[in-house]
Amino acid sequence: MSHDEMMQDEVNDAFWARTDAVIQLANTQCEAVEADDVNASLLYAAARFSSFLIAAQAEDRDALQQGRDDALDYFTSQFRQLLAENIDDYLENFDEYNA
C-alpha cells in the first residue's frame, strides 16, 4: 500500500468516525425527544455550520453575497445526492435494517 493510499484510508477512517459520532449523539437524543425533533436540529446545525464555513472563506460581505447562490446550489445538490444514496441503501437492506 502506498503512502497516499494509507493517508486516504486515515482520512476515510476519520470521516466515518466523525459521522458515527454525530449519529450516536442523535440516537442518544432520540431517547428523550422525537426523532423528527432531533432531525430538525441536525438539519439546522448542518445549515448553520455550512454557512459558517462559507462566510469564513469569503473575503468580505460582497464576496459572500456573490457566492451565495453557488453555495446554495452546491450544498443542496450534495444533500440530495447523499439522501438519495442512503434511501437507496435502506431500500436494498430494508428487512435487515428494520429487524
PDB file of N, CA and C in Angstrom:
ATOM      1  N   MET A   1       0.843  -1.175   0.000  1.00  0.00           N
ATOM      2  CA  MET A   1       0.000   0.000   0.000  1.00  0.00           C
ATOM      3  C   MET A   1       0.887   1.237   0.000  1.00  0.00           C
ATOM      4  N   SER A   2       0.570   2.180  -0.875  1.00  0.00           N
ATOM      5  CA  SER A   2       1.379   3.394  -0.981  1.00  0.00           C
ATOM      6  C   SER A   2       1.080   4.350   0.169  1.00  0.00           C
ATOM      7  N   HIS A   3       1.967   5.309   0.340  1.00  0.00           N
ATOM      8  CA  HIS A   3       1.785   6.336   1.362  1.00  0.00           C
ATOM      9  C   HIS A   3       0.472   7.086   1.117  1.00  0.00           C
ATOM     10  N   ASP A   4       0.188   7.439  -0.137  1.00  0.00           N
ATOM     11  CA  ASP A   4      -1.050   8.155  -0.461  1.00  0.00           C
ATOM     12  C   ASP A   4      -2.287   7.330  -0.120  1.00  0.00           C
ATOM     13  N   GLU A   5      -2.231   6.022  -0.393  1.00  0.00           N
ATOM     14  CA  GLU A   5      -3.360   5.152  -0.059  1.00  0.00           C
ATOM     15  C   GLU A   5      -3.547   5.060   1.457  1.00  0.00           C
ATOM     16  N   MET A   6      -2.434   4.998   2.191  1.00  0.00           N
ATOM     17  CA  MET A   6      -2.522   4.948   3.648  1.00  0.00           C
ATOM     18  C   MET A   6      -3.109   6.245   4.187  1.00  0.00           C
ATOM     19  N   MET A   7      -2.699   7.371   3.624  1.00  0.00           N
ATOM     20  CA  MET A   7      -3.233   8.657   4.059  1.00  0.00           C
ATOM     21  C   MET A   7      -4.720   8.748   3.746  1.00  0.00           C
ATOM     22  N   GLN A   8      -5.126   8.260   2.584  1.00  0.00           N
ATOM     23  CA  GLN A   8      -6.539   8.282   2.214  1.00  0.00           C
ATOM     24  C   GLN A   8      -7.354   7.405   3.147  1.00  0.00           C
ATOM     25  N   ASP A   9      -6.816   6.260   3.535  1.00  0.00           N
ATOM     26  CA  ASP A   9      -7.503   5.390   4.494  1.00  0.00           C
ATOM     27  C   ASP A   9      -7.701   6.100   5.829  1.00  0.00           C
ATOM     28  N   GLU A  10      -6.670   6.833   6.271  1.00  0.00           N
ATOM     29  CA  GLU A  10      -6.781   7.580   7.522  1.00  0.00           C
ATOM     30  C   GLU A  10      -7.837   8.672   7.407  1.00  0.00           C
ATOM     31  N   VAL A  11      -7.887   9.349   6.262  1.00  0.00           N
ATOM     32  CA  VAL A  11      -8.898  10.381   6.025  1.00  0.00           C
ATOM     33  C   VAL A  11     -10.285   9.752   6.050  1.00  0.00           C
ATOM     34  N   ASN A  12     -10.438   8.626   5.358  1.00  0.00           N
ATOM     35  CA  ASN A  12     -11.725   7.933   5.343  1.00  0.00           C
ATOM     36  C   ASN A  12     -12.118   7.461   6.742  1.00  0.00           C
ATOM     37  N   ASP A  13     -11.168   6.917   7.479  1.00  0.00           N
ATOM     38  CA  ASP A  13     -11.452   6.464   8.842  1.00  0.00           C
ATOM     39  C   ASP A  13     -11.908   7.640   9.709  1.00  0.00           C
ATOM     40  N   ALA A  14     -11.251   8.774   9.573  1.00  0.00           N
ATOM     41  CA  ALA A  14     -11.621   9.954  10.350  1.00  0.00           C
ATOM     42  C   ALA A  14     -13.015  10.455   9.948  1.00  0.00           C
ATOM     43  N   PHE A  15     -13.299  10.422   8.655  1.00  0.00           N
ATOM     44  CA  PHE A  15     -14.631  10.822   8.161  1.00  0.00           C
ATOM     45  C   PHE A  15     -15.706   9.962   8.804  1.00  0.00           C
ATOM     46  N   TRP A  16     -15.530   8.632   8.758  1.00  0.00           N
ATOM     47  CA  TRP A  16     -16.539   7.733   9.303  1.00  0.00           C
ATOM     48  C   TRP A  16     -16.630   7.837  10.814  1.00  0.00           C
ATOM     49  N   ALA A  17     -15.525   8.100  11.488  1.00  0.00           N
ATOM     50  CA  ALA A  17     -15.554   8.273  12.946  1.00  0.00           C
ATOM     51  C   ALA A  17     -16.371   9.517  13.313  1.00  0.00           C
ATOM     52  N   ARG A  18     -16.166  10.621  12.574  1.00  0.00           N
ATOM     53  CA  ARG A  18     -16.959  11.831  12.831  1.00  0.00           C
ATOM     54  C   ARG A  18     -18.435  11.583  12.541  1.00  0.00           C
ATOM     55  N   THR A  19     -18.704  10.909  11.419  1.00  0.00           N
ATOM     56  CA  THR A  19     -20.084  10.607  11.048  1.00  0.00           C
ATOM     57  C   THR A  19     -20.752   9.759  12.120  1.00  0.00           C
ATOM     58  N   ASP A  20     -20.077   8.701  12.555  1.00  0.00           N
ATOM     59  CA  ASP A  20     -20.628   7.822  13.583  1.00  0.00           C
ATOM     60  C   ASP A  20     -20.861   8.571  14.893  1.00  0.00           C
ATOM     61  N   ALA A  21     -19.968   9.500  15.235  1.00  0.00           N
ATOM     62  CA  ALA A  21     -20.124  10.269  16.479  1.00  0.00           C
ATOM     63  C   ALA A  21     -21.384  11.144  16.421  1.00  0.00           C
ATOM     64  N   VAL A  22     -21.626  11.767  15.283  1.00  0.00           N
ATOM     65  CA  VAL A  22     -22.825  12.606  15.140  1.00  0.00           C
ATOM     66  C   VAL A  22     -24.083  11.745  15.194  1.00  0.00           C
ATOM     67  N   ILE A  23     -24.065  10.612  14.512  1.00  0.00           N
ATOM     68  CA  ILE A  23     -25.224   9.707  14.535  1.00  0.00           C
ATOM     69  C   ILE A  23     -25.464   9.181  15.940  1.00  0.00           C
ATOM     70  N   GLN A  24     -24.407   8.837  16.650  1.00  0.00           N
ATOM     71  CA  GLN A  24     -24.551   8.362  18.033  1.00  0.00           C
ATOM     72  C   GLN A  24     -25.169   9.441  18.912  1.00  0.00           C
ATOM     73  N   LEU A  25     -24.729  10.674  18.750  1.00  0.00           N
ATOM     74  CA  LEU A  25     -25.319  11.776  19.513  1.00  0.00           C
ATOM     75  C   LEU A  25     -26.805  11.910  19.189  1.00  0.00           C
ATOM     76  N   ALA A  26     -27.147  11.840  17.907  1.00  0.00           N
ATOM     77  CA  ALA A  26     -28.554  11.937  17.505  1.00  0.00           C
ATOM     78  C   ALA A  26     -29.367  10.794  18.098  1.00  0.00           C
ATOM     79  N   ASN A  27     -28.825   9.587  18.053  1.00  0.00           N
ATOM     80  CA  ASN A  27     -29.532   8.438  18.624  1.00  0.00           C
ATOM     81  C   ASN A  27     -29.757   8.623  20.117  1.00  0.00           C
ATOM     82  N   THR A  28     -28.766   9.139  20.806  1.00  0.00           N
ATOM     83  CA  THR A  28     -28.895   9.391  22.240  1.00  0.00           C
ATOM     84  C   THR A  28     -29.983  10.431  22.504  1.00  0.00           C
ATOM     85  N   GLN A  29     -30.029  11.470  21.698  1.00  0.00           N
ATOM     86  CA  GLN A  29     -31.048  12.499  21.879  1.00  0.00           C
ATOM     87  C   GLN A  29     -32.445  11.960  21.600  1.00  0.00           C
ATOM     88  N   CYS A  30     -32.551  10.961  20.738  1.00  0.00           N
ATOM     89  CA  CYS A  30     -33.854  10.353  20.428  1.00  0.00           C
ATOM     90  C   CYS A  30     -34.435   9.615  21.624  1.00  0.00           C
ATOM     91  N   GLU A  31     -33.625   9.367  22.634  1.00  0.00           N
ATOM     92  CA  GLU A  31     -34.129   8.726  23.846  1.00  0.00           C
ATOM     93  C   GLU A  31     -35.003   9.687  24.656  1.00  0.00           C
ATOM     94  N   ALA A  32     -34.818  10.995  24.442  1.00  0.00           N
ATOM     95  CA  ALA A  32     -35.539  11.999  25.225  1.00  0.00           C
ATOM     96  C   ALA A  32     -36.609  12.746  24.431  1.00  0.00           C
ATOM     97  N   VAL A  33     -36.433  12.829  23.114  1.00  0.00           N
ATOM     98  CA  VAL A  33     -37.383  13.570  22.273  1.00  0.00           C
ATOM     99  C   VAL A  33     -37.648  12.781  21.001  1.00  0.00           C
ATOM    100  N   GLU A  34     -38.642  13.214  20.252  1.00  0.00           N
ATOM    101  CA  GLU A  34     -38.995  12.552  18.999  1.00  0.00           C
ATOM    102  C   GLU A  34     -37.855  12.659  17.978  1.00  0.00           C
ATOM    103  N   ALA A  35     -37.711  11.628  17.159  1.00  0.00           N
ATOM    104  CA  ALA A  35     -36.674  11.608  16.126  1.00  0.00           C
ATOM    105  C   ALA A  35     -36.837  12.779  15.156  1.00  0.00           C
ATOM    106  N   ASP A  36     -38.073  13.178  14.869  1.00  0.00           N
ATOM    107  CA  ASP A  36     -38.300  14.330  13.985  1.00  0.00           C
ATOM    108  C   ASP A  36     -37.691  15.605  14.564  1.00  0.00           C
ATOM    109  N   ASP A  37     -37.760  15.763  15.884  1.00  0.00           N
ATOM    110  CA  ASP A  37     -37.171  16.938  16.532  1.00  0.00           C
ATOM    111  C   ASP A  37     -35.653  16.903  16.440  1.00  0.00           C
ATOM    112  N   VAL A  38     -35.078  15.726  16.628  1.00  0.00           N
ATOM    113  CA  VAL A  38     -33.627  15.577  16.517  1.00  0.00           C
ATOM    114  C   VAL A  38     -33.197  15.858  15.077  1.00  0.00           C
ATOM    115  N   ASN A  39     -33.950  15.327  14.121  1.00  0.00           N
ATOM    116  CA  ASN A  39     -33.629  15.561  12.713  1.00  0.00           C
ATOM    117  C   ASN A  39     -33.657  17.054  12.389  1.00  0.00           C
ATOM    118  N   ALA A  40     -34.648  17.771  12.903  1.00  0.00           N
ATOM    119  CA  ALA A  40     -34.726  19.213  12.664  1.00  0.00           C
ATOM    120  C   ALA A  40     -33.489  19.916  13.214  1.00  0.00           C
ATOM    121  N   SER A  41     -33.040  19.488  14.384  1.00  0.00           N
ATOM    122  CA  SER A  41     -31.830  20.076  14.971  1.00  0.00           C
ATOM    123  C   SER A  41     -30.598  19.768  14.133  1.00  0.00           C
ATOM    124  N   LEU A  42     -30.502  18.529  13.645  1.00  0.00           N
ATOM    125  CA  LEU A  42     -29.365  18.151  12.797  1.00  0.00           C
ATOM    126  C   LEU A  42     -29.345  18.962  11.511  1.00  0.00           C
ATOM    127  N   LEU A  43     -30.496  19.118  10.883  1.00  0.00           N
ATOM    128  CA  LEU A  43     -30.570  19.898   9.644  1.00  0.00           C
ATOM    129  C   LEU A  43     -30.166  21.344   9.891  1.00  0.00           C
ATOM    130  N   TYR A  44     -30.684  21.924  10.977  1.00  0.00           N
ATOM    131  CA  TYR A  44     -30.331  23.304  11.293  1.00  0.00           C
ATOM    132  C   TYR A  44     -28.833  23.428  11.573  1.00  0.00           C
ATOM    133  N   ALA A  45     -28.300  22.492  12.354  1.00  0.00           N
ATOM    134  CA  ALA A  45     -26.870  22.535  12.687  1.00  0.00           C
ATOM    135  C   ALA A  45     -26.010  22.417  11.430  1.00  0.00           C
ATOM    136  N   ALA A  46     -26.392  21.533  10.508  1.00  0.00           N
ATOM    137  CA  ALA A  46     -25.631  21.389   9.260  1.00  0.00           C
ATOM    138  C   ALA A  46     -25.696  22.674   8.446  1.00  0.00           C
ATOM    139  N   ALA A  47     -26.876  23.275   8.368  1.00  0.00           N
ATOM    140  CA  ALA A  47     -27.018  24.525   7.624  1.00  0.00           C
ATOM    141  C   ALA A  47     -26.216  25.643   8.276  1.00  0.00           C
ATOM    142  N   ARG A  48     -26.261  25.714   9.594  1.00  0.00           N
ATOM    143  CA  ARG A  48     -25.543  26.765  10.316  1.00  0.00           C
ATOM    144  C   ARG A  48     -24.034  26.603  10.154  1.00  0.00           C
ATOM    145  N   PHE A  49     -23.545  25.367  10.284  1.00  0.00           N
ATOM    146  CA  PHE A  49     -22.109  25.128  10.157  1.00  0.00           C
ATOM    147  C   PHE A  49     -21.640  25.379   8.728  1.00  0.00           C
ATOM    148  N   SER A  50     -22.430  24.945   7.745  1.00  0.00           N
ATOM    149  CA  SER A  50     -22.072  25.199   6.343  1.00  0.00           C
ATOM    150  C   SER A  50     -22.027  26.691   6.063  1.00  0.00           C
ATOM    151  N   SER A  51     -22.980  27.433   6.619  1.00  0.00           N
ATOM    152  CA  SER A  51     -22.989  28.889   6.449  1.00  0.00           C
ATOM    153  C   SER A  51     -21.747  29.514   7.065  1.00  0.00           C
ATOM    154  N   PHE A  52     -21.364  29.021   8.226  1.00  0.00           N
ATOM    155  CA  PHE A  52     -20.135  29.492   8.869  1.00  0.00           C
ATOM    156  C   PHE A  52     -18.925  29.255   7.973  1.00  0.00           C
ATOM    157  N   LEU A  53     -18.821  28.056   7.387  1.00  0.00           N
ATOM    158  CA  LEU A  53     -17.687  27.748   6.515  1.00  0.00           C
ATOM    159  C   LEU A  53     -17.643  28.679   5.315  1.00  0.00           C
ATOM    160  N   ILE A  54     -18.786  28.883   4.702  1.00  0.00           N
ATOM    161  CA  ILE A  54     -18.864  29.755   3.517  1.00  0.00           C
ATOM    162  C   ILE A  54     -18.459  31.171   3.889  1.00  0.00           C
ATOM    163  N   ALA A  55     -18.993  31.672   4.999  1.00  0.00           N
ATOM    164  CA  ALA A  55     -18.689  33.031   5.430  1.00  0.00           C
ATOM    165  C   ALA A  55     -17.214  33.178   5.798  1.00  0.00           C
ATOM    166  N   ALA A  56     -16.647  32.152   6.446  1.00  0.00           N
ATOM    167  CA  ALA A  56     -15.244  32.212   6.858  1.00  0.00           C
ATOM    168  C   ALA A  56     -14.296  32.236   5.667  1.00  0.00           C
ATOM    169  N   GLN A  57     -14.730  31.663   4.543  1.00  0.00           N
ATOM    170  CA  GLN A  57     -13.886  31.626   3.347  1.00  0.00           C
ATOM    171  C   GLN A  57     -14.048  32.860   2.468  1.00  0.00           C
ATOM    172  N   ALA A  58     -15.072  33.646   2.719  1.00  0.00           N
ATOM    173  CA  ALA A  58     -15.317  34.841   1.916  1.00  0.00           C
ATOM    174  C   ALA A  58     -14.388  35.967   2.366  1.00  0.00           C
ATOM    175  N   GLU A  59     -13.895  36.707   1.399  1.00  0.00           N
ATOM    176  CA  GLU A  59     -13.005  37.825   1.718  1.00  0.00           C
ATOM    177  C   GLU A  59     -13.742  38.949   2.433  1.00  0.00           C
ATOM    178  N   ASP A  60     -14.998  39.159   2.047  1.00  0.00           N
ATOM    179  CA  ASP A  60     -15.800  40.211   2.643  1.00  0.00           C
ATOM    180  C   ASP A  60     -17.278  39.924   2.386  1.00  0.00           C
ATOM    181  N   ARG A  61     -18.120  40.824   2.847  1.00  0.00           N
ATOM    182  CA  ARG A  61     -19.570  40.626   2.720  1.00  0.00           C
ATOM    183  C   ARG A  61     -20.000  40.519   1.261  1.00  0.00           C
ATOM    184  N   ASP A  62     -19.406  41.346   0.410  1.00  0.00           N
ATOM    185  CA  ASP A  62     -19.761  41.305  -1.011  1.00  0.00           C
ATOM    186  C   ASP A  62     -19.413  39.957  -1.639  1.00  0.00           C
ATOM    187  N   ALA A  63     -18.255  39.405  -1.288  1.00  0.00           N
ATOM    188  CA  ALA A  63     -17.861  38.095  -1.804  1.00  0.00           C
ATOM    189  C   ALA A  63     -18.827  37.019  -1.313  1.00  0.00           C
ATOM    190  N   LEU A  64     -19.243  37.124  -0.066  1.00  0.00           N
ATOM    191  CA  LEU A  64     -20.216  36.180   0.468  1.00  0.00           C
ATOM    192  C   LEU A  64     -21.521  36.275  -0.312  1.00  0.00           C
ATOM    193  N   GLN A  65     -21.965  37.493  -0.571  1.00  0.00           N
ATOM    194  CA  GLN A  65     -23.194  37.688  -1.340  1.00  0.00           C
ATOM    195  C   GLN A  65     -23.060  37.123  -2.748  1.00  0.00           C
ATOM    196  N   GLN A  66     -21.921  37.339  -3.390  1.00  0.00           N
ATOM    197  CA  GLN A  66     -21.710  36.858  -4.754  1.00  0.00           C
ATOM    198  C   GLN A  66     -21.673  35.328  -4.813  1.00  0.00           C
ATOM    199  N   GLY A  67     -21.172  34.690  -3.776  1.00  0.00           N
ATOM    200  CA  GLY A  67     -21.073  33.236  -3.772  1.00  0.00           C
ATOM    201  C   GLY A  67     -22.292  32.531  -3.193  1.00  0.00           C
ATOM    202  N   ARG A  68     -23.267  33.298  -2.737  1.00  0.00           N
ATOM    203  CA  ARG A  68     -24.433  32.740  -2.042  1.00  0.00           C
ATOM    204  C   ARG A  68     -25.159  31.700  -2.888  1.00  0.00           C
ATOM    205  N   ASP A  69     -25.535  32.032  -4.107  1.00  0.00           N
ATOM    206  CA  ASP A  69     -26.321  31.112  -4.930  1.00  0.00           C
ATOM    207  C   ASP A  69     -25.534  29.857  -5.300  1.00  0.00           C
ATOM    208  N   ASP A  70     -24.242  30.019  -5.577  1.00  0.00           N
ATOM    209  CA  ASP A  70     -23.409  28.844  -5.870  1.00  0.00           C
ATOM    210  C   ASP A  70     -23.329  27.926  -4.652  1.00  0.00           C
ATOM    211  N   ALA A  71     -23.201  28.516  -3.477  1.00  0.00           N
ATOM    212  CA  ALA A  71     -23.144  27.721  -2.251  1.00  0.00           C
ATOM    213  C   ALA A  71     -24.468  26.981  -2.025  1.00  0.00           C
ATOM    214  N   LEU A  72     -25.570  27.679  -2.234  1.00  0.00           N
ATOM    215  CA  LEU A  72     -26.882  27.033  -2.083  1.00  0.00           C
ATOM    216  C   LEU A  72     -27.026  25.869  -3.056  1.00  0.00           C
ATOM    217  N   ASP A  73     -26.619  26.085  -4.304  1.00  0.00           N
ATOM    218  CA  ASP A  73     -26.696  25.014  -5.299  1.00  0.00           C
ATOM    219  C   ASP A  73     -25.819  23.828  -4.905  1.00  0.00           C
ATOM    220  N   TYR A  74     -24.598  24.122  -4.473  1.00  0.00           N
ATOM    221  CA  TYR A  74     -23.664  23.060  -4.106  1.00  0.00           C
ATOM    222  C   TYR A  74     -24.192  22.226  -2.942  1.00  0.00           C
ATOM    223  N   PHE A  75     -24.529  22.881  -1.831  1.00  0.00           N
ATOM    224  CA  PHE A  75     -24.951  22.140  -0.649  1.00  0.00           C
ATOM    225  C   PHE A  75     -26.290  21.444  -0.866  1.00  0.00           C
ATOM    226  N   THR A  76     -27.177  22.049  -1.618  1.00  0.00           N
ATOM    227  CA  THR A  76     -28.456  21.403  -1.912  1.00  0.00           C
ATOM    228  C   THR A  76     -28.244  20.149  -2.744  1.00  0.00           C
ATOM    229  N   SER A  77     -27.393  20.244  -3.764  1.00  0.00           N
ATOM    230  CA  SER A  77     -27.152  19.065  -4.605  1.00  0.00           C
ATOM    231  C   SER A  77     -26.423  17.974  -3.828  1.00  0.00           C
ATOM    232  N   GLN A  78     -25.491  18.353  -2.955  1.00  0.00           N
ATOM    233  CA  GLN A  78     -24.784  17.365  -2.140  1.00  0.00           C
ATOM    234  C   GLN A  78     -25.747  16.648  -1.206  1.00  0.00           C
ATOM    235  N   PHE A  79     -26.623  17.403  -0.546  1.00  0.00           N
ATOM    236  CA  PHE A  79     -27.575  16.777   0.365  1.00  0.00           C
ATOM    237  C   PHE A  79     -28.518  15.855  -0.392  1.00  0.00           C
ATOM    238  N   ARG A  80     -29.000  16.311  -1.540  1.00  0.00           N
ATOM    239  CA  ARG A  80     -29.914  15.485  -2.334  1.00  0.00           C
ATOM    240  C   ARG A  80     -29.248  14.168  -2.739  1.00  0.00           C
ATOM    241  N   GLN A  81     -27.987  14.244  -3.180  1.00  0.00           N
ATOM    242  CA  GLN A  81     -27.263  13.047  -3.595  1.00  0.00           C
ATOM    243  C   GLN A  81     -27.061  12.096  -2.413  1.00  0.00           C
ATOM    244  N   LEU A  82     -26.636  12.619  -1.282  1.00  0.00           N
ATOM    245  CA  LEU A  82     -26.400  11.783  -0.111  1.00  0.00           C
ATOM    246  C   LEU A  82     -27.699  11.180   0.417  1.00  0.00           C
ATOM    247  N   LEU A  83     -28.768  11.962   0.401  1.00  0.00           N
ATOM    248  CA  LEU A  83     -30.063  11.447   0.840  1.00  0.00           C
ATOM    249  C   LEU A  83     -30.539  10.336  -0.084  1.00  0.00           C
ATOM    250  N   ALA A  84     -30.404  10.538  -1.386  1.00  0.00           N
ATOM    251  CA  ALA A  84     -30.810   9.508  -2.348  1.00  0.00           C
ATOM    252  C   ALA A  84     -30.009   8.226  -2.145  1.00  0.00           C
ATOM    253  N   GLU A  85     -28.704   8.344  -1.958  1.00  0.00           N
ATOM    254  CA  GLU A  85     -27.863   7.163  -1.740  1.00  0.00           C
ATOM    255  C   GLU A  85     -28.281   6.410  -0.481  1.00  0.00           C
ATOM    256  N   ASN A  86     -28.594   7.147   0.573  1.00  0.00           N
ATOM    257  CA  ASN A  86     -28.959   6.495   1.824  1.00  0.00           C
ATOM    258  C   ASN A  86     -30.354   5.891   1.772  1.00  0.00           C
ATOM    259  N   ILE A  87     -31.288   6.535   1.091  1.00  0.00           N
ATOM    260  CA  ILE A  87     -32.614   5.932   0.911  1.00  0.00           C
ATOM    261  C   ILE A  87     -32.479   4.657   0.089  1.00  0.00           C
ATOM    262  N   ASP A  88     -31.670   4.700  -0.969  1.00  0.00           N
ATOM    263  CA  ASP A  88     -31.444   3.502  -1.783  1.00  0.00           C
ATOM    264  C   ASP A  88     -30.831   2.381  -0.948  1.00  0.00           C
ATOM    265  N   ASP A  89     -29.910   2.732  -0.050  1.00  0.00           N
ATOM    266  CA  ASP A  89     -29.313   1.738   0.837  1.00  0.00           C
ATOM    267  C   ASP A  89     -30.387   1.107   1.719  1.00  0.00           C
ATOM    268  N   TYR A  90     -31.285   1.926   2.250  1.00  0.00           N
ATOM    269  CA  TYR A  90     -32.376   1.386   3.066  1.00  0.00           C
ATOM    270  C   TYR A  90     -33.319   0.528   2.237  1.00  0.00           C
ATOM    271  N   LEU A  91     -33.565   0.904   0.996  1.00  0.00           N
ATOM    272  CA  LEU A  91     -34.402   0.075   0.127  1.00  0.00           C
ATOM    273  C   LEU A  91     -33.775  -1.294  -0.089  1.00  0.00           C
ATOM    274  N   GLU A  92     -32.465  -1.315  -0.314  1.00  0.00           N
ATOM    275  CA  GLU A  92     -31.760  -2.574  -0.557  1.00  0.00           C
ATOM    276  C   GLU A  92     -31.648  -3.429   0.700  1.00  0.00           C
ATOM    277  N   ASN A  93     -31.650  -2.808   1.853  1.00  0.00           N
ATOM    278  CA  ASN A  93     -31.412  -3.523   3.112  1.00  0.00           C
ATOM    279  C   ASN A  93     -32.564  -3.356   4.093  1.00  0.00           C
ATOM    280  N   PHE A  94     -33.747  -3.104   3.587  1.00  0.00           N
ATOM    281  CA  PHE A  94     -34.895  -2.758   4.429  1.00  0.00           C
ATOM    282  C   PHE A  94     -35.140  -3.777   5.538  1.00  0.00           C
ATOM    283  N   ASP A  95     -35.209  -5.045   5.186  1.00  0.00           N
ATOM    284  CA  ASP A  95     -35.503  -6.079   6.182  1.00  0.00           C
ATOM    285  C   ASP A  95     -34.406  -6.181   7.241  1.00  0.00           C
ATOM    286  N   GLU A  96     -33.159  -6.065   6.809  1.00  0.00           N
ATOM    287  CA  GLU A  96     -32.038  -6.147   7.760  1.00  0.00           C
ATOM    288  C   GLU A  96     -32.029  -4.951   8.700  1.00  0.00           C
ATOM    289  N   TYR A  97     -32.204  -3.733   8.161  1.00  0.00           N
ATOM    290  CA  TYR A  97     -32.138  -2.531   8.977  1.00  0.00           C
ATOM    291  C   TYR A  97     -33.349  -2.380   9.896  1.00  0.00           C
ATOM    292  N   ASN A  98     -34.471  -2.960   9.525  1.00  0.00           N
ATOM    293  CA  ASN A  98     -35.700  -2.805  10.311  1.00  0.00           C
ATOM    294  C   ASN A  98     -36.064  -4.075  11.065  1.00  0.00           C
ATOM    295  N   ALA A  99     -35.077  -4.915  11.282  1.00  0.00           N
ATOM    296  CA  ALA A  99     -35.330  -6.180  12.003  1.00  0.00           C
ATOM    297  C   ALA A  99     -35.460  -5.951  13.486  1.00  0.00           C
TER     298      ALA A  99
END
